[in-house]
């Protein structure tokens, strides 16, 4: 069960990082600039929602749940990156 969950997470990460996300970011660049980057949360929410309807075992209730998931994913990713990449103090 745990291996299946990790596999689903890996597939989701690949789907978000792979070809689809960069193309969508490029196509929505004018809107992203006008909203000072906040449209990326909407785009990530749409991607979460789309992947949730596409993959078995990963469900997203709707668009706003996808946006909330994208925000939480960004916060957790930022925190983990800050902890891992933090320079050791002397």
PDB file of N, CA and C in Angstrom:
ATOM      1  N   UNK A   1       0.821  -1.194   0.000  1.00  0.00           N
ATOM      2  CA  UNK A   1       0.000   0.000   0.000  1.00  0.00           C
ATOM      3  C   UNK A   1       0.864   1.257   0.000  1.00  0.00           C
ATOM      4  N   UNK A   2       1.916   1.263   0.835  1.00  0.00           N
ATOM      5  CA  UNK A   2       2.797   2.426   0.912  1.00  0.00           C
ATOM      6  C   UNK A   2       3.569   2.603  -0.391  1.00  0.00           C
ATOM      7  N   UNK A   3       3.998   1.501  -0.977  1.00  0.00           N
ATOM      8  CA  UNK A   3       4.723   1.575  -2.244  1.00  0.00           C
ATOM      9  C   UNK A   3       3.831   2.143  -3.342  1.00  0.00           C
ATOM     10  N   UNK A   4       2.564   1.749  -3.330  1.00  0.00           N
ATOM     11  CA  UNK A   4       1.622   2.257  -4.328  1.00  0.00           C
ATOM     12  C   UNK A   4       1.435   3.766  -4.161  1.00  0.00           C
ATOM     13  N   UNK A   5       1.331   4.221  -2.906  1.00  0.00           N
ATOM     14  CA  UNK A   5       1.185   5.651  -2.644  1.00  0.00           C
ATOM     15  C   UNK A   5       2.414   6.425  -3.123  1.00  0.00           C
ATOM     16  N   UNK A   6       3.599   5.907  -2.847  1.00  0.00           N
ATOM     17  CA  UNK A   6       4.823   6.562  -3.313  1.00  0.00           C
ATOM     18  C   UNK A   6       4.894   6.593  -4.835  1.00  0.00           C
ATOM     19  N   UNK A   7       4.442   5.522  -5.469  1.00  0.00           N
ATOM     20  CA  UNK A   7       4.434   5.480  -6.932  1.00  0.00           C
ATOM     21  C   UNK A   7       3.476   6.521  -7.497  1.00  0.00           C
ATOM     22  N   UNK A   8       2.312   6.656  -6.879  1.00  0.00           N
ATOM     23  CA  UNK A   8       1.347   7.670  -7.319  1.00  0.00           C
ATOM     24  C   UNK A   8       1.934   9.069  -7.153  1.00  0.00           C
ATOM     25  N   UNK A   9       2.597   9.312  -6.012  1.00  0.00           N
ATOM     26  CA  UNK A   9       3.226  10.621  -5.800  1.00  0.00           C
ATOM     27  C   UNK A   9       4.313  10.881  -6.835  1.00  0.00           C
ATOM     28  N   UNK A  10       5.091   9.878  -7.149  1.00  0.00           N
ATOM     29  CA  UNK A  10       6.140  10.033  -8.152  1.00  0.00           C
ATOM     30  C   UNK A  10       5.548  10.348  -9.519  1.00  0.00           C
ATOM     31  N   UNK A  11       4.495   9.658  -9.884  1.00  0.00           N
ATOM     32  CA  UNK A  11       3.840   9.917 -11.174  1.00  0.00           C
ATOM     33  C   UNK A  11       3.271  11.325 -11.198  1.00  0.00           C
ATOM     34  N   UNK A  12       2.676  11.762 -10.091  1.00  0.00           N
ATOM     35  CA  UNK A  12       2.140  13.127 -10.025  1.00  0.00           C
ATOM     36  C   UNK A  12       3.247  14.169 -10.170  1.00  0.00           C
ATOM     37  N   UNK A  13       4.353  13.929  -9.499  1.00  0.00           N
ATOM     38  CA  UNK A  13       5.474  14.867  -9.593  1.00  0.00           C
ATOM     39  C   UNK A  13       5.994  14.945 -11.018  1.00  0.00           C
ATOM     40  N   UNK A  14       6.109  13.805 -11.657  1.00  0.00           N
ATOM     41  CA  UNK A  14       6.581  13.786 -13.044  1.00  0.00           C
ATOM     42  C   UNK A  14       5.587  14.499 -13.949  1.00  0.00           C
ATOM     43  N   UNK A  15       4.294  14.289 -13.701  1.00  0.00           N
ATOM     44  CA  UNK A  15       3.279  14.946 -14.525  1.00  0.00           C
ATOM     45  C   UNK A  15       3.318  16.457 -14.348  1.00  0.00           C
ATOM     46  N   UNK A  16       3.591  16.926 -13.133  1.00  0.00           N
ATOM     47  CA  UNK A  16       3.647  18.363 -12.907  1.00  0.00           C
ATOM     48  C   UNK A  16       4.929  18.992 -13.448  1.00  0.00           C
ATOM     49  N   UNK A  17       6.011  18.232 -13.432  1.00  0.00           N
ATOM     50  CA  UNK A  17       7.296  18.781 -13.843  1.00  0.00           C
ATOM     51  C   UNK A  17       7.560  18.554 -15.338  1.00  0.00           C
ATOM     52  N   UNK A  18       6.903  17.567 -15.913  1.00  0.00           N
ATOM     53  CA  UNK A  18       7.211  17.167 -17.299  1.00  0.00           C
ATOM     54  C   UNK A  18       6.763  18.196 -18.312  1.00  0.00           C
ATOM     55  N   UNK A  19       6.507  17.799 -19.488  1.00  0.00           N
ATOM     56  CA  UNK A  19       6.267  18.671 -20.640  1.00  0.00           C
ATOM     57  C   UNK A  19       5.051  19.578 -20.461  1.00  0.00           C
ATOM     58  N   UNK A  20       4.012  19.115 -19.822  1.00  0.00           N
ATOM     59  CA  UNK A  20       2.757  19.861 -19.762  1.00  0.00           C
ATOM     60  C   UNK A  20       2.919  21.182 -19.013  1.00  0.00           C
ATOM     61  N   UNK A  21       3.518  21.156 -17.843  1.00  0.00           N
ATOM     62  CA  UNK A  21       3.615  22.366 -17.023  1.00  0.00           C
ATOM     63  C   UNK A  21       4.441  23.473 -17.690  1.00  0.00           C
ATOM     64  N   UNK A  22       5.637  23.186 -18.214  1.00  0.00           N
ATOM     65  CA  UNK A  22       6.386  24.276 -18.862  1.00  0.00           C
ATOM     66  C   UNK A  22       5.670  24.881 -20.060  1.00  0.00           C
ATOM     67  N   UNK A  23       4.984  24.062 -20.833  1.00  0.00           N
ATOM     68  CA  UNK A  23       4.240  24.595 -21.983  1.00  0.00           C
ATOM     69  C   UNK A  23       3.107  25.498 -21.502  1.00  0.00           C
ATOM     70  N   UNK A  24       2.382  25.049 -20.477  1.00  0.00           N
ATOM     71  CA  UNK A  24       1.303  25.881 -19.942  1.00  0.00           C
ATOM     72  C   UNK A  24       1.836  27.168 -19.318  1.00  0.00           C
ATOM     73  N   UNK A  25       2.973  27.086 -18.643  1.00  0.00           N
ATOM     74  CA  UNK A  25       3.577  28.301 -18.079  1.00  0.00           C
ATOM     75  C   UNK A  25       3.961  29.290 -19.171  1.00  0.00           C
ATOM     76  N   UNK A  26       4.493  28.787 -20.251  1.00  0.00           N
ATOM     77  CA  UNK A  26       4.876  29.660 -21.361  1.00  0.00           C
ATOM     78  C   UNK A  26       3.643  30.289 -22.013  1.00  0.00           C
ATOM     79  N   UNK A  27       2.596  29.497 -22.205  1.00  0.00           N
ATOM     80  CA  UNK A  27       1.387  30.014 -22.842  1.00  0.00           C
ATOM     81  C   UNK A  27       0.656  31.033 -21.971  1.00  0.00           C
ATOM     82  N   UNK A  28       0.757  30.891 -20.669  1.00  0.00           N
ATOM     83  CA  UNK A  28       0.057  31.801 -19.761  1.00  0.00           C
ATOM     84  C   UNK A  28       0.976  32.872 -19.174  1.00  0.00           C
ATOM     85  N   UNK A  29       2.135  33.046 -19.761  1.00  0.00           N
ATOM     86  CA  UNK A  29       3.105  34.016 -19.247  1.00  0.00           C
ATOM     87  C   UNK A  29       2.548  35.444 -19.146  1.00  0.00           C
ATOM     88  N   UNK A  30       1.805  35.948 -20.143  1.00  0.00           N
ATOM     89  CA  UNK A  30       1.271  37.315 -19.991  1.00  0.00           C
ATOM     90  C   UNK A  30       0.336  37.458 -18.779  1.00  0.00           C
ATOM     91  N   UNK A  31      -0.527  36.473 -18.553  1.00  0.00           N
ATOM     92  CA  UNK A  31      -1.438  36.526 -17.404  1.00  0.00           C
ATOM     93  C   UNK A  31      -0.651  36.413 -16.102  1.00  0.00           C
ATOM     94  N   UNK A  32       0.374  35.572 -16.103  1.00  0.00           N
ATOM     95  CA  UNK A  32       1.202  35.401 -14.914  1.00  0.00           C
ATOM     96  C   UNK A  32       1.923  36.696 -14.563  1.00  0.00           C
ATOM     97  N   UNK A  33       2.409  37.400 -15.561  1.00  0.00           N
ATOM     98  CA  UNK A  33       3.085  38.681 -15.321  1.00  0.00           C
ATOM     99  C   UNK A  33       2.091  39.715 -14.804  1.00  0.00           C
ATOM    100  N   UNK A  34       0.893  39.771 -15.396  1.00  0.00           N
ATOM    101  CA  UNK A  34      -0.122  40.737 -14.950  1.00  0.00           C
ATOM    102  C   UNK A  34      -0.577  40.495 -13.520  1.00  0.00           C
ATOM    103  N   UNK A  35      -0.597  39.237 -13.096  1.00  0.00           N
ATOM    104  CA  UNK A  35      -1.036  38.922 -11.732  1.00  0.00           C
ATOM    105  C   UNK A  35       0.140  38.790 -10.771  1.00  0.00           C
ATOM    106  N   UNK A  36       1.315  39.214 -11.205  1.00  0.00           N
ATOM    107  CA  UNK A  36       2.527  39.165 -10.392  1.00  0.00           C
ATOM    108  C   UNK A  36       2.844  37.751  -9.894  1.00  0.00           C
ATOM    109  N   UNK A  37       2.567  36.771 -10.736  1.00  0.00           N
ATOM    110  CA  UNK A  37       2.916  35.386 -10.438  1.00  0.00           C
ATOM    111  C   UNK A  37       1.839  34.592  -9.726  1.00  0.00           C
ATOM    112  N   UNK A  38       0.749  35.231  -9.314  1.00  0.00           N
ATOM    113  CA  UNK A  38      -0.296  34.512  -8.590  1.00  0.00           C
ATOM    114  C   UNK A  38      -1.072  33.544  -9.474  1.00  0.00           C
ATOM    115  N   UNK A  39      -1.060  33.760 -10.777  1.00  0.00           N
ATOM    116  CA  UNK A  39      -1.770  32.854 -11.684  1.00  0.00           C
ATOM    117  C   UNK A  39      -1.132  31.464 -11.693  1.00  0.00           C
ATOM    118  N   UNK A  40       0.118  31.368 -11.269  1.00  0.00           N
ATOM    119  CA  UNK A  40       0.773  30.062 -11.203  1.00  0.00           C
ATOM    120  C   UNK A  40       0.034  29.155 -10.223  1.00  0.00           C
ATOM    121  N   UNK A  41      -0.517  29.713  -9.135  1.00  0.00           N
ATOM    122  CA  UNK A  41      -1.302  28.902  -8.204  1.00  0.00           C
ATOM    123  C   UNK A  41      -2.554  28.355  -8.885  1.00  0.00           C
ATOM    124  N   UNK A  42      -3.193  29.174  -9.714  1.00  0.00           N
ATOM    125  CA  UNK A  42      -4.368  28.717 -10.460  1.00  0.00           C
ATOM    126  C   UNK A  42      -3.971  27.615 -11.429  1.00  0.00           C
ATOM    127  N   UNK A  43      -2.871  27.820 -12.134  1.00  0.00           N
ATOM    128  CA  UNK A  43      -2.395  26.819 -13.082  1.00  0.00           C
ATOM    129  C   UNK A  43      -2.034  25.519 -12.374  1.00  0.00           C
ATOM    130  N   UNK A  44      -1.334  25.612 -11.245  1.00  0.00           N
ATOM    131  CA  UNK A  44      -1.000  24.413 -10.483  1.00  0.00           C
ATOM    132  C   UNK A  44      -2.261  23.737  -9.938  1.00  0.00           C
ATOM    133  N   UNK A  45      -3.249  24.528  -9.534  1.00  0.00           N
ATOM    134  CA  UNK A  45      -4.517  23.964  -9.084  1.00  0.00           C
ATOM    135  C   UNK A  45      -5.222  23.202 -10.186  1.00  0.00           C
ATOM    136  N   UNK A  46      -5.209  23.764 -11.387  1.00  0.00           N
ATOM    137  CA  UNK A  46      -5.801  23.060 -12.529  1.00  0.00           C
ATOM    138  C   UNK A  46      -5.044  21.769 -12.825  1.00  0.00           C
ATOM    139  N   UNK A  47      -3.729  21.799 -12.697  1.00  0.00           N
ATOM    140  CA  UNK A  47      -2.938  20.590 -12.924  1.00  0.00           C
ATOM    141  C   UNK A  47      -3.217  19.536 -11.857  1.00  0.00           C
ATOM    142  N   UNK A  48      -3.307  19.955 -10.594  1.00  0.00           N
ATOM    143  CA  UNK A  48      -3.662  19.016  -9.521  1.00  0.00           C
ATOM    144  C   UNK A  48      -5.022  18.388  -9.804  1.00  0.00           C
ATOM    145  N   UNK A  49      -5.986  19.220 -10.172  1.00  0.00           N
ATOM    146  CA  UNK A  49      -7.337  18.744 -10.445  1.00  0.00           C
ATOM    147  C   UNK A  49      -7.343  17.783 -11.631  1.00  0.00           C
ATOM    148  N   UNK A  50      -6.614  18.138 -12.668  1.00  0.00           N
ATOM    149  CA  UNK A  50      -6.541  17.273 -13.849  1.00  0.00           C
ATOM    150  C   UNK A  50      -5.883  15.936 -13.553  1.00  0.00           C
ATOM    151  N   UNK A  51      -4.780  15.967 -12.829  1.00  0.00           N
ATOM    152  CA  UNK A  51      -4.091  14.729 -12.477  1.00  0.00           C
ATOM    153  C   UNK A  51      -4.970  13.898 -11.546  1.00  0.00           C
ATOM    154  N   UNK A  52      -5.713  14.551 -10.659  1.00  0.00           N
ATOM    155  CA  UNK A  52      -6.612  13.837  -9.762  1.00  0.00           C
ATOM    156  C   UNK A  52      -7.718  13.107 -10.488  1.00  0.00           C
ATOM    157  N   UNK A  53      -8.182  13.660 -11.583  1.00  0.00           N
ATOM    158  CA  UNK A  53      -9.226  12.975 -12.353  1.00  0.00           C
ATOM    159  C   UNK A  53      -8.644  11.934 -13.304  1.00  0.00           C
ATOM    160  N   UNK A  54      -7.354  12.002 -13.529  1.00  0.00           N
ATOM    161  CA  UNK A  54      -6.712  11.102 -14.494  1.00  0.00           C
ATOM    162  C   UNK A  54      -6.105   9.865 -13.834  1.00  0.00           C
ATOM    163  N   UNK A  55      -5.512  10.030 -12.658  1.00  0.00           N
ATOM    164  CA  UNK A  55      -4.832   8.923 -11.998  1.00  0.00           C
ATOM    165  C   UNK A  55      -5.728   8.241 -10.973  1.00  0.00           C
ATOM    166  N   UNK A  56      -5.680   6.941 -10.971  1.00  0.00           N
ATOM    167  CA  UNK A  56      -6.410   6.165  -9.978  1.00  0.00           C
ATOM    168  C   UNK A  56      -5.662   6.226  -8.648  1.00  0.00           C
ATOM    169  N   UNK A  57      -6.375   6.446  -7.569  1.00  0.00           N
ATOM    170  CA  UNK A  57      -5.756   6.512  -6.251  1.00  0.00           C
ATOM    171  C   UNK A  57      -5.387   7.917  -5.818  1.00  0.00           C
ATOM    172  N   UNK A  58      -5.537   8.904  -6.677  1.00  0.00           N
ATOM    173  CA  UNK A  58      -5.254  10.297  -6.335  1.00  0.00           C
ATOM    174  C   UNK A  58      -6.486  11.097  -6.712  1.00  0.00           C
ATOM    175  N   UNK A  59      -7.187  11.620  -5.726  1.00  0.00           N
ATOM    176  CA  UNK A  59      -8.447  12.316  -5.986  1.00  0.00           C
ATOM    177  C   UNK A  59      -8.382  13.743  -5.472  1.00  0.00           C
ATOM    178  N   UNK A  60      -8.917  14.647  -6.262  1.00  0.00           N
ATOM    179  CA  UNK A  60      -9.047  16.054  -5.881  1.00  0.00           C
ATOM    180  C   UNK A  60     -10.517  16.402  -6.065  1.00  0.00           C
ATOM    181  N   UNK A  61     -11.141  16.966  -5.033  1.00  0.00           N
ATOM    182  CA  UNK A  61     -12.592  17.184  -5.024  1.00  0.00           C
ATOM    183  C   UNK A  61     -13.053  18.191  -6.075  1.00  0.00           C
ATOM    184  N   UNK A  62     -12.251  19.176  -6.385  1.00  0.00           N
ATOM    185  CA  UNK A  62     -12.660  20.195  -7.345  1.00  0.00           C
ATOM    186  C   UNK A  62     -11.544  21.186  -7.586  1.00  0.00           C
ATOM    187  N   UNK A  63     -11.890  22.251  -8.315  1.00  0.00           N
ATOM    188  CA  UNK A  63     -10.894  23.250  -8.681  1.00  0.00           C
ATOM    189  C   UNK A  63     -10.285  23.919  -7.451  1.00  0.00           C
ATOM    190  N   UNK A  64     -11.130  24.368  -6.518  1.00  0.00           N
ATOM    191  CA  UNK A  64     -10.613  25.078  -5.352  1.00  0.00           C
ATOM    192  C   UNK A  64      -9.808  24.162  -4.442  1.00  0.00           C
ATOM    193  N   UNK A  65     -10.177  22.900  -4.398  1.00  0.00           N
ATOM    194  CA  UNK A  65      -9.359  21.933  -3.655  1.00  0.00           C
ATOM    195  C   UNK A  65      -7.996  21.777  -4.322  1.00  0.00           C
ATOM    196  N   UNK A  66      -7.981  21.822  -5.642  1.00  0.00           N
ATOM    197  CA  UNK A  66      -6.717  21.763  -6.370  1.00  0.00           C
ATOM    198  C   UNK A  66      -5.845  22.972  -6.108  1.00  0.00           C
ATOM    199  N   UNK A  67      -6.465  24.159  -6.049  1.00  0.00           N
ATOM    200  CA  UNK A  67      -5.707  25.381  -5.760  1.00  0.00           C
ATOM    201  C   UNK A  67      -5.160  25.332  -4.339  1.00  0.00           C
ATOM    202  N   UNK A  68      -5.991  24.892  -3.384  1.00  0.00           N
ATOM    203  CA  UNK A  68      -5.523  24.755  -2.006  1.00  0.00           C
ATOM    204  C   UNK A  68      -4.389  23.730  -1.924  1.00  0.00           C
ATOM    205  N   UNK A  69      -4.538  22.630  -2.650  1.00  0.00           N
ATOM    206  CA  UNK A  69      -3.475  21.624  -2.690  1.00  0.00           C
ATOM    207  C   UNK A  69      -2.194  22.182  -3.285  1.00  0.00           C
ATOM    208  N   UNK A  70      -2.320  23.002  -4.323  1.00  0.00           N
ATOM    209  CA  UNK A  70      -1.138  23.609  -4.940  1.00  0.00           C
ATOM    210  C   UNK A  70      -0.448  24.572  -3.974  1.00  0.00           C
ATOM    211  N   UNK A  71      -1.242  25.329  -3.222  1.00  0.00           N
ATOM    212  CA  UNK A  71      -0.660  26.250  -2.243  1.00  0.00           C
ATOM    213  C   UNK A  71       0.048  25.482  -1.138  1.00  0.00           C
ATOM    214  N   UNK A  72      -0.622  24.453  -0.600  1.00  0.00           N
ATOM    215  CA  UNK A  72      -0.002  23.633   0.445  1.00  0.00           C
ATOM    216  C   UNK A  72       1.249  22.929  -0.070  1.00  0.00           C
ATOM    217  N   UNK A  73       1.192  22.428  -1.298  1.00  0.00           N
ATOM    218  CA  UNK A  73       2.349  21.777  -1.908  1.00  0.00           C
ATOM    219  C   UNK A  73       3.512  22.763  -2.026  1.00  0.00           C
ATOM    220  N   UNK A  74       3.223  23.991  -2.411  1.00  0.00           N
ATOM    221  CA  UNK A  74       4.267  25.009  -2.533  1.00  0.00           C
ATOM    222  C   UNK A  74       4.885  25.344  -1.184  1.00  0.00           C
ATOM    223  N   UNK A  75       4.047  25.473  -0.159  1.00  0.00           N
ATOM    224  CA  UNK A  75       4.553  25.803   1.177  1.00  0.00           C
ATOM    225  C   UNK A  75       5.429  24.672   1.719  1.00  0.00           C
ATOM    226  N   UNK A  76       4.942  23.446   1.610  1.00  0.00           N
ATOM    227  CA  UNK A  76       5.716  22.297   2.102  1.00  0.00           C
ATOM    228  C   UNK A  76       7.019  22.145   1.323  1.00  0.00           C
ATOM    229  N   UNK A  77       6.952  22.311   0.021  1.00  0.00           N
ATOM    230  CA  UNK A  77       8.152  22.215  -0.809  1.00  0.00           C
ATOM    231  C   UNK A  77       9.158  23.294  -0.431  1.00  0.00           C
ATOM    232  N   UNK A  78       8.676  24.509  -0.197  1.00  0.00           N
ATOM    233  CA  UNK A  78       9.555  25.610   0.184  1.00  0.00           C
ATOM    234  C   UNK A  78      10.206  25.339   1.538  1.00  0.00           C
ATOM    235  N   UNK A  79       9.402  24.870   2.505  1.00  0.00           N
ATOM    236  CA  UNK A  79       9.944  24.574   3.832  1.00  0.00           C
ATOM    237  C   UNK A  79      10.986  23.458   3.786  1.00  0.00           C
ATOM    238  N   UNK A  80      10.682  22.389   3.065  1.00  0.00           N
ATOM    239  CA  UNK A  80      11.632  21.280   2.965  1.00  0.00           C
ATOM    240  C   UNK A  80      12.907  21.703   2.249  1.00  0.00           C
ATOM    241  N   UNK A  81      12.774  22.499   1.216  1.00  0.00           N
ATOM    242  CA  UNK A  81      13.958  22.994   0.508  1.00  0.00           C
ATOM    243  C   UNK A  81      14.801  23.878   1.421  1.00  0.00           C
ATOM    244  N   UNK A  82      14.138  24.701   2.207  1.00  0.00           N
ATOM    245  CA  UNK A  82      14.868  25.573   3.128  1.00  0.00           C
ATOM    246  C   UNK A  82      15.603  24.757   4.187  1.00  0.00           C
ATOM    247  N   UNK A  83      14.988  23.697   4.666  1.00  0.00           N
ATOM    248  CA  UNK A  83      15.638  22.858   5.672  1.00  0.00           C
ATOM    249  C   UNK A  83      16.796  22.060   5.093  1.00  0.00           C
ATOM    250  N   UNK A  84      16.611  21.529   3.897  1.00  0.00           N
ATOM    251  CA  UNK A  84      17.643  20.682   3.287  1.00  0.00           C
ATOM    252  C   UNK A  84      18.821  21.518   2.785  1.00  0.00           C
ATOM    253  N   UNK A  85      18.534  22.668   2.214  1.00  0.00           N
ATOM    254  CA  UNK A  85      19.584  23.479   1.609  1.00  0.00           C
ATOM    255  C   UNK A  85      20.200  24.483   2.566  1.00  0.00           C
ATOM    256  N   UNK A  86      19.762  24.472   3.819  1.00  0.00           N
ATOM    257  CA  UNK A  86      20.282  25.428   4.789  1.00  0.00           C
ATOM    258  C   UNK A  86      21.760  25.155   5.039  1.00  0.00           C
ATOM    259  N   UNK A  87      22.543  26.205   4.993  1.00  0.00           N
ATOM    260  CA  UNK A  87      23.996  26.072   5.210  1.00  0.00           C
ATOM    261  C   UNK A  87      24.252  25.701   6.663  1.00  0.00           C
ATOM    262  N   UNK A  88      25.176  24.806   6.901  1.00  0.00           N
ATOM    263  CA  UNK A  88      25.480  24.447   8.285  1.00  0.00           C
ATOM    264  C   UNK A  88      26.141  25.621   9.007  1.00  0.00           C
ATOM    265  N   UNK A  89      25.721  25.835  10.240  1.00  0.00           N
ATOM    266  CA  UNK A  89      26.301  26.927  11.030  1.00  0.00           C
ATOM    267  C   UNK A  89      27.514  26.439  11.793  1.00  0.00           C
ATOM    268  N   UNK A  90      28.431  27.358  12.027  1.00  0.00           N
ATOM    269  CA  UNK A  90      29.684  26.968  12.729  1.00  0.00           C
ATOM    270  C   UNK A  90      29.740  27.585  14.078  1.00  0.00           C
TER     271      UNK A  90
END
